[in-house]
PDB file of N, CA and C in Angstrom:
ATOM      1  N   UNK A   1      16.983  -8.536  11.437  1.00  0.00           N
ATOM      2  CA  UNK A   1      15.746  -7.821  11.657  1.00  0.00           C
ATOM      3  C   UNK A   1      14.819  -8.707  12.492  1.00  0.00           C
ATOM      4  N   UNK A   2      14.243  -8.149  13.524  1.00  0.00           N
ATOM      5  CA  UNK A   2      13.341  -8.900  14.392  1.00  0.00           C
ATOM      6  C   UNK A   2      12.016  -9.150  13.682  1.00  0.00           C
ATOM      7  N   UNK A   3      11.386 -10.247  14.048  1.00  0.00           N
ATOM      8  CA  UNK A   3      10.082 -10.572  13.464  1.00  0.00           C
ATOM      9  C   UNK A   3       9.040  -9.540  13.896  1.00  0.00           C
ATOM     10  N   UNK A   4       8.145  -9.234  12.996  1.00  0.00           N
ATOM     11  CA  UNK A   4       7.052  -8.304  13.300  1.00  0.00           C
ATOM     12  C   UNK A   4       6.035  -8.996  14.192  1.00  0.00           C
ATOM     13  N   UNK A   5       5.378  -8.207  15.041  1.00  0.00           N
ATOM     14  CA  UNK A   5       4.350  -8.778  15.908  1.00  0.00           C
ATOM     15  C   UNK A   5       3.009  -8.776  15.190  1.00  0.00           C
ATOM     16  N   UNK A   6       2.100  -9.584  15.688  1.00  0.00           N
ATOM     17  CA  UNK A   6       0.739  -9.618  15.127  1.00  0.00           C
ATOM     18  C   UNK A   6       0.099  -8.231  15.186  1.00  0.00           C
ATOM     19  N   UNK A   7       0.288  -7.552  16.316  1.00  0.00           N
ATOM     20  CA  UNK A   7      -0.303  -6.224  16.500  1.00  0.00           C
ATOM     21  C   UNK A   7       0.250  -5.245  15.465  1.00  0.00           C
ATOM     22  N   UNK A   8       1.567  -5.247  15.256  1.00  0.00           N
ATOM     23  CA  UNK A   8       2.174  -4.354  14.261  1.00  0.00           C
ATOM     24  C   UNK A   8       1.608  -4.607  12.866  1.00  0.00           C
ATOM     25  N   UNK A   9       1.466  -5.872  12.526  1.00  0.00           N
ATOM     26  CA  UNK A   9       0.973  -6.235  11.197  1.00  0.00           C
ATOM     27  C   UNK A   9      -0.461  -5.769  11.002  1.00  0.00           C
ATOM     28  N   UNK A  10      -1.325  -6.056  11.967  1.00  0.00           N
ATOM     29  CA  UNK A  10      -2.739  -5.661  11.864  1.00  0.00           C
ATOM     30  C   UNK A  10      -2.865  -4.143  11.832  1.00  0.00           C
ATOM     31  N   UNK A  11      -2.098  -3.447  12.680  1.00  0.00           N
ATOM     32  CA  UNK A  11      -2.149  -1.981  12.685  1.00  0.00           C
ATOM     33  C   UNK A  11      -1.707  -1.405  11.340  1.00  0.00           C
ATOM     34  N   UNK A  12      -0.665  -1.980  10.746  1.00  0.00           N
ATOM     35  CA  UNK A  12      -0.184  -1.492   9.452  1.00  0.00           C
ATOM     36  C   UNK A  12      -1.227  -1.719   8.361  1.00  0.00           C
ATOM     37  N   UNK A  13      -1.865  -2.891   8.359  1.00  0.00           N
ATOM     38  CA  UNK A  13      -2.906  -3.155   7.364  1.00  0.00           C
ATOM     39  C   UNK A  13      -4.113  -2.248   7.584  1.00  0.00           C
ATOM     40  N   UNK A  14      -4.476  -2.008   8.842  1.00  0.00           N
ATOM     41  CA  UNK A  14      -5.592  -1.096   9.129  1.00  0.00           C
ATOM     42  C   UNK A  14      -5.283   0.312   8.621  1.00  0.00           C
ATOM     43  N   UNK A  15      -4.064   0.780   8.869  1.00  0.00           N
ATOM     44  CA  UNK A  15      -3.668   2.117   8.408  1.00  0.00           C
ATOM     45  C   UNK A  15      -3.671   2.181   6.880  1.00  0.00           C
ATOM     46  N   UNK A  16      -3.207   1.117   6.242  1.00  0.00           N
ATOM     47  CA  UNK A  16      -3.211   1.067   4.779  1.00  0.00           C
ATOM     48  C   UNK A  16      -4.636   1.099   4.236  1.00  0.00           C
ATOM     49  N   UNK A  17      -5.526   0.325   4.845  1.00  0.00           N
ATOM     50  CA  UNK A  17      -6.932   0.332   4.429  1.00  0.00           C
ATOM     51  C   UNK A  17      -7.543   1.721   4.581  1.00  0.00           C
ATOM     52  N   UNK A  18      -7.265   2.368   5.716  1.00  0.00           N
ATOM     53  CA  UNK A  18      -7.800   3.712   5.957  1.00  0.00           C
ATOM     54  C   UNK A  18      -7.279   4.708   4.916  1.00  0.00           C
ATOM     55  N   UNK A  19      -5.989   4.634   4.625  1.00  0.00           N
ATOM     56  CA  UNK A  19      -5.407   5.539   3.630  1.00  0.00           C
ATOM     57  C   UNK A  19      -6.010   5.297   2.253  1.00  0.00           C
ATOM     58  N   UNK A  20      -6.202   4.036   1.895  1.00  0.00           N
ATOM     59  CA  UNK A  20      -6.785   3.725   0.585  1.00  0.00           C
ATOM     60  C   UNK A  20      -8.225   4.226   0.505  1.00  0.00           C
ATOM     61  N   UNK A  21      -8.982   4.080   1.588  1.00  0.00           N
ATOM     62  CA  UNK A  21     -10.355   4.604   1.617  1.00  0.00           C
ATOM     63  C   UNK A  21     -10.367   6.113   1.396  1.00  0.00           C
ATOM     64  N   UNK A  22      -9.421   6.827   2.037  1.00  0.00           N
ATOM     65  CA  UNK A  22      -9.337   8.279   1.865  1.00  0.00           C
ATOM     66  C   UNK A  22      -9.001   8.640   0.424  1.00  0.00           C
ATOM     67  N   UNK A  23      -8.057   7.915  -0.169  1.00  0.00           N
ATOM     68  CA  UNK A  23      -7.690   8.184  -1.560  1.00  0.00           C
ATOM     69  C   UNK A  23      -8.860   7.941  -2.507  1.00  0.00           C
ATOM     70  N   UNK A  24      -9.608   6.887  -2.264  1.00  0.00           N
ATOM     71  CA  UNK A  24     -10.744   6.557  -3.136  1.00  0.00           C
ATOM     72  C   UNK A  24     -11.843   7.613  -3.062  1.00  0.00           C
ATOM     73  N   UNK A  25     -11.916   8.320  -1.955  1.00  0.00           N
ATOM     74  CA  UNK A  25     -12.963   9.327  -1.776  1.00  0.00           C
ATOM     75  C   UNK A  25     -12.590  10.682  -2.387  1.00  0.00           C
ATOM     76  N   UNK A  26     -11.361  10.824  -2.838  1.00  0.00           N
ATOM     77  CA  UNK A  26     -10.904  12.111  -3.369  1.00  0.00           C
ATOM     78  C   UNK A  26     -11.325  12.324  -4.817  1.00  0.00           C
ATOM     79  N   UNK A  27     -11.436  13.607  -5.179  1.00  0.00           N
ATOM     80  CA  UNK A  27     -11.511  13.997  -6.581  1.00  0.00           C
ATOM     81  C   UNK A  27     -10.201  14.714  -6.878  1.00  0.00           C
ATOM     82  N   UNK A  28      -9.818  14.795  -8.120  1.00  0.00           N
ATOM     83  CA  UNK A  28      -8.502  15.330  -8.445  1.00  0.00           C
ATOM     84  C   UNK A  28      -8.560  16.546  -9.362  1.00  0.00           C
ATOM     85  N   UNK A  29      -9.728  17.160  -9.476  1.00  0.00           N
ATOM     86  CA  UNK A  29      -9.911  18.294 -10.380  1.00  0.00           C
ATOM     87  C   UNK A  29      -9.055  19.502  -9.992  1.00  0.00           C
ATOM     88  N   UNK A  30      -8.682  19.631  -8.735  1.00  0.00           N
ATOM     89  CA  UNK A  30      -7.902  20.784  -8.286  1.00  0.00           C
ATOM     90  C   UNK A  30      -6.432  20.695  -8.681  1.00  0.00           C
ATOM     91  N   UNK A  31      -6.001  19.540  -9.161  1.00  0.00           N
ATOM     92  CA  UNK A  31      -4.594  19.320  -9.471  1.00  0.00           C
ATOM     93  C   UNK A  31      -4.275  19.751 -10.900  1.00  0.00           C
ATOM     94  N   UNK A  32      -3.058  20.263 -11.084  1.00  0.00           N
ATOM     95  CA  UNK A  32      -2.586  20.607 -12.426  1.00  0.00           C
ATOM     96  C   UNK A  32      -2.105  19.335 -13.130  1.00  0.00           C
ATOM     97  N   UNK A  33      -1.885  19.434 -14.424  1.00  0.00           N
ATOM     98  CA  UNK A  33      -1.391  18.272 -15.171  1.00  0.00           C
ATOM     99  C   UNK A  33      -0.049  17.772 -14.629  1.00  0.00           C
ATOM    100  N   UNK A  34       0.934  18.634 -14.376  1.00  0.00           N
ATOM    101  CA  UNK A  34       2.190  18.130 -13.802  1.00  0.00           C
ATOM    102  C   UNK A  34       1.987  17.470 -12.433  1.00  0.00           C
ATOM    103  N   UNK A  35       1.099  18.040 -11.625  1.00  0.00           N
ATOM    104  CA  UNK A  35       0.817  17.434 -10.319  1.00  0.00           C
ATOM    105  C   UNK A  35       0.167  16.066 -10.481  1.00  0.00           C
ATOM    106  N   UNK A  36      -0.751  15.956 -11.433  1.00  0.00           N
ATOM    107  CA  UNK A  36      -1.390  14.665 -11.691  1.00  0.00           C
ATOM    108  C   UNK A  36      -0.375  13.632 -12.169  1.00  0.00           C
ATOM    109  N   UNK A  37       0.563  14.060 -13.000  1.00  0.00           N
ATOM    110  CA  UNK A  37       1.603  13.139 -13.468  1.00  0.00           C
ATOM    111  C   UNK A  37       2.455  12.648 -12.299  1.00  0.00           C
ATOM    112  N   UNK A  38       2.796  13.544 -11.393  1.00  0.00           N
ATOM    113  CA  UNK A  38       3.578  13.155 -10.202  1.00  0.00           C
ATOM    114  C   UNK A  38       2.774  12.191  -9.337  1.00  0.00           C
ATOM    115  N   UNK A  39       1.489  12.447  -9.186  1.00  0.00           N
ATOM    116  CA  UNK A  39       0.647  11.532  -8.414  1.00  0.00           C
ATOM    117  C   UNK A  39       0.571  10.163  -9.076  1.00  0.00           C
ATOM    118  N   UNK A  40       0.528  10.138 -10.399  1.00  0.00           N
ATOM    119  CA  UNK A  40       0.533   8.854 -11.111  1.00  0.00           C
ATOM    120  C   UNK A  40       1.822   8.086 -10.835  1.00  0.00           C
ATOM    121  N   UNK A  41       2.953   8.786 -10.829  1.00  0.00           N
ATOM    122  CA  UNK A  41       4.225   8.141 -10.505  1.00  0.00           C
ATOM    123  C   UNK A  41       4.199   7.571  -9.089  1.00  0.00           C
ATOM    124  N   UNK A  42       3.659   8.349  -8.173  1.00  0.00           N
ATOM    125  CA  UNK A  42       3.581   7.876  -6.789  1.00  0.00           C
ATOM    126  C   UNK A  42       2.655   6.679  -6.667  1.00  0.00           C
ATOM    127  N   UNK A  43       1.550   6.696  -7.393  1.00  0.00           N
ATOM    128  CA  UNK A  43       0.606   5.574  -7.364  1.00  0.00           C
ATOM    129  C   UNK A  43       1.253   4.317  -7.939  1.00  0.00           C
ATOM    130  N   UNK A  44       2.006   4.465  -9.012  1.00  0.00           N
ATOM    131  CA  UNK A  44       2.697   3.311  -9.595  1.00  0.00           C
ATOM    132  C   UNK A  44       3.711   2.730  -8.614  1.00  0.00           C
ATOM    133  N   UNK A  45       4.445   3.600  -7.918  1.00  0.00           N
ATOM    134  CA  UNK A  45       5.403   3.137  -6.906  1.00  0.00           C
ATOM    135  C   UNK A  45       4.682   2.434  -5.763  1.00  0.00           C
ATOM    136  N   UNK A  46       3.550   2.993  -5.323  1.00  0.00           N
ATOM    137  CA  UNK A  46       2.774   2.384  -4.248  1.00  0.00           C
ATOM    138  C   UNK A  46       2.297   0.994  -4.665  1.00  0.00           C
ATOM    139  N   UNK A  47       1.857   0.888  -5.907  1.00  0.00           N
ATOM    140  CA  UNK A  47       1.363  -0.395  -6.408  1.00  0.00           C
ATOM    141  C   UNK A  47       2.472  -1.447  -6.447  1.00  0.00           C
ATOM    142  N   UNK A  48       3.671  -1.054  -6.869  1.00  0.00           N
ATOM    143  CA  UNK A  48       4.798  -1.999  -6.882  1.00  0.00           C
ATOM    144  C   UNK A  48       5.139  -2.452  -5.466  1.00  0.00           C
ATOM    145  N   UNK A  49       5.119  -1.534  -4.528  1.00  0.00           N
ATOM    146  CA  UNK A  49       5.420  -1.881  -3.135  1.00  0.00           C
ATOM    147  C   UNK A  49       4.340  -2.798  -2.571  1.00  0.00           C
ATOM    148  N   UNK A  50       3.093  -2.558  -2.963  1.00  0.00           N
ATOM    149  CA  UNK A  50       1.999  -3.415  -2.516  1.00  0.00           C
ATOM    150  C   UNK A  50       2.215  -4.855  -2.982  1.00  0.00           C
ATOM    151  N   UNK A  51       2.707  -5.009  -4.211  1.00  0.00           N
ATOM    152  CA  UNK A  51       2.978  -6.354  -4.734  1.00  0.00           C
ATOM    153  C   UNK A  51       4.068  -7.047  -3.931  1.00  0.00           C
ATOM    154  N   UNK A  52       5.047  -6.298  -3.426  1.00  0.00           N
ATOM    155  CA  UNK A  52       6.102  -6.927  -2.633  1.00  0.00           C
ATOM    156  C   UNK A  52       5.544  -7.465  -1.320  1.00  0.00           C
ATOM    157  N   UNK A  53       4.570  -6.771  -0.746  1.00  0.00           N
ATOM    158  CA  UNK A  53       3.902  -7.277   0.459  1.00  0.00           C
ATOM    159  C   UNK A  53       3.148  -8.557   0.120  1.00  0.00           C
ATOM    160  N   UNK A  54       2.439  -8.557  -0.999  1.00  0.00           N
ATOM    161  CA  UNK A  54       1.690  -9.739  -1.428  1.00  0.00           C
ATOM    162  C   UNK A  54       2.628 -10.937  -1.598  1.00  0.00           C
ATOM    163  N   UNK A  55       3.787 -10.703  -2.205  1.00  0.00           N
ATOM    164  CA  UNK A  55       4.750 -11.793  -2.402  1.00  0.00           C
ATOM    165  C   UNK A  55       5.274 -12.311  -1.063  1.00  0.00           C
ATOM    166  N   UNK A  56       5.509 -11.413  -0.117  1.00  0.00           N
ATOM    167  CA  UNK A  56       5.961 -11.845   1.210  1.00  0.00           C
ATOM    168  C   UNK A  56       4.896 -12.710   1.881  1.00  0.00           C
ATOM    169  N   UNK A  57       3.631 -12.329   1.732  1.00  0.00           N
ATOM    170  CA  UNK A  57       2.538 -13.137   2.293  1.00  0.00           C
ATOM    171  C   UNK A  57       2.484 -14.509   1.632  1.00  0.00           C
ATOM    172  N   UNK A  58       2.598 -14.544   0.314  1.00  0.00           N
ATOM    173  CA  UNK A  58       2.571 -15.812  -0.420  1.00  0.00           C
ATOM    174  C   UNK A  58       3.733 -16.698   0.010  1.00  0.00           C
ATOM    175  N   UNK A  59       4.923 -16.114   0.125  1.00  0.00           N
ATOM    176  CA  UNK A  59       6.089 -16.893   0.535  1.00  0.00           C
ATOM    177  C   UNK A  59       5.927 -17.450   1.943  1.00  0.00           C
ATOM    178  N   UNK A  60       5.340 -16.671   2.848  1.00  0.00           N
ATOM    179  CA  UNK A  60       5.123 -17.158   4.211  1.00  0.00           C
ATOM    180  C   UNK A  60       4.093 -18.275   4.221  1.00  0.00           C
ATOM    181  N   UNK A  61       3.038 -18.130   3.425  1.00  0.00           N
ATOM    182  CA  UNK A  61       2.046 -19.207   3.319  1.00  0.00           C
ATOM    183  C   UNK A  61       2.687 -20.485   2.790  1.00  0.00           C
ATOM    184  N   UNK A  62       3.534 -20.354   1.790  1.00  0.00           N
ATOM    185  CA  UNK A  62       4.211 -21.529   1.227  1.00  0.00           C
ATOM    186  C   UNK A  62       5.128 -22.177   2.260  1.00  0.00           C
ATOM    187  N   UNK A  63       5.804 -21.358   3.047  1.00  0.00           N
ATOM    188  CA  UNK A  63       6.703 -21.896   4.075  1.00  0.00           C
ATOM    189  C   UNK A  63       5.935 -22.626   5.169  1.00  0.00           C
ATOM    190  N   UNK A  64       4.725 -22.180   5.446  1.00  0.00           N
ATOM    191  CA  UNK A  64       3.925 -22.797   6.509  1.00  0.00           C
ATOM    192  C   UNK A  64       3.105 -23.978   6.022  1.00  0.00           C
ATOM    193  N   UNK A  65       3.005 -24.159   4.713  1.00  0.00           N
ATOM    194  CA  UNK A  65       2.178 -25.243   4.164  1.00  0.00           C
ATOM    195  C   UNK A  65       2.845 -26.593   4.348  1.00  0.00           C
TER     196      UNK A  65
END
């Protein structure tokens, strides 16, 4: 796998920030209980994936130290 470019990384983080801002601005009253449960599952998966990015950043910092 080729190394990611600085531009790709910054663009991905910007898109992630924008998406998180949109999610934070939402209300969820229109959703049914089963829909809310599915959203909770998706949020948990998103959170686990976010931690993998954090670990990759930590590992790169350790390698460069």
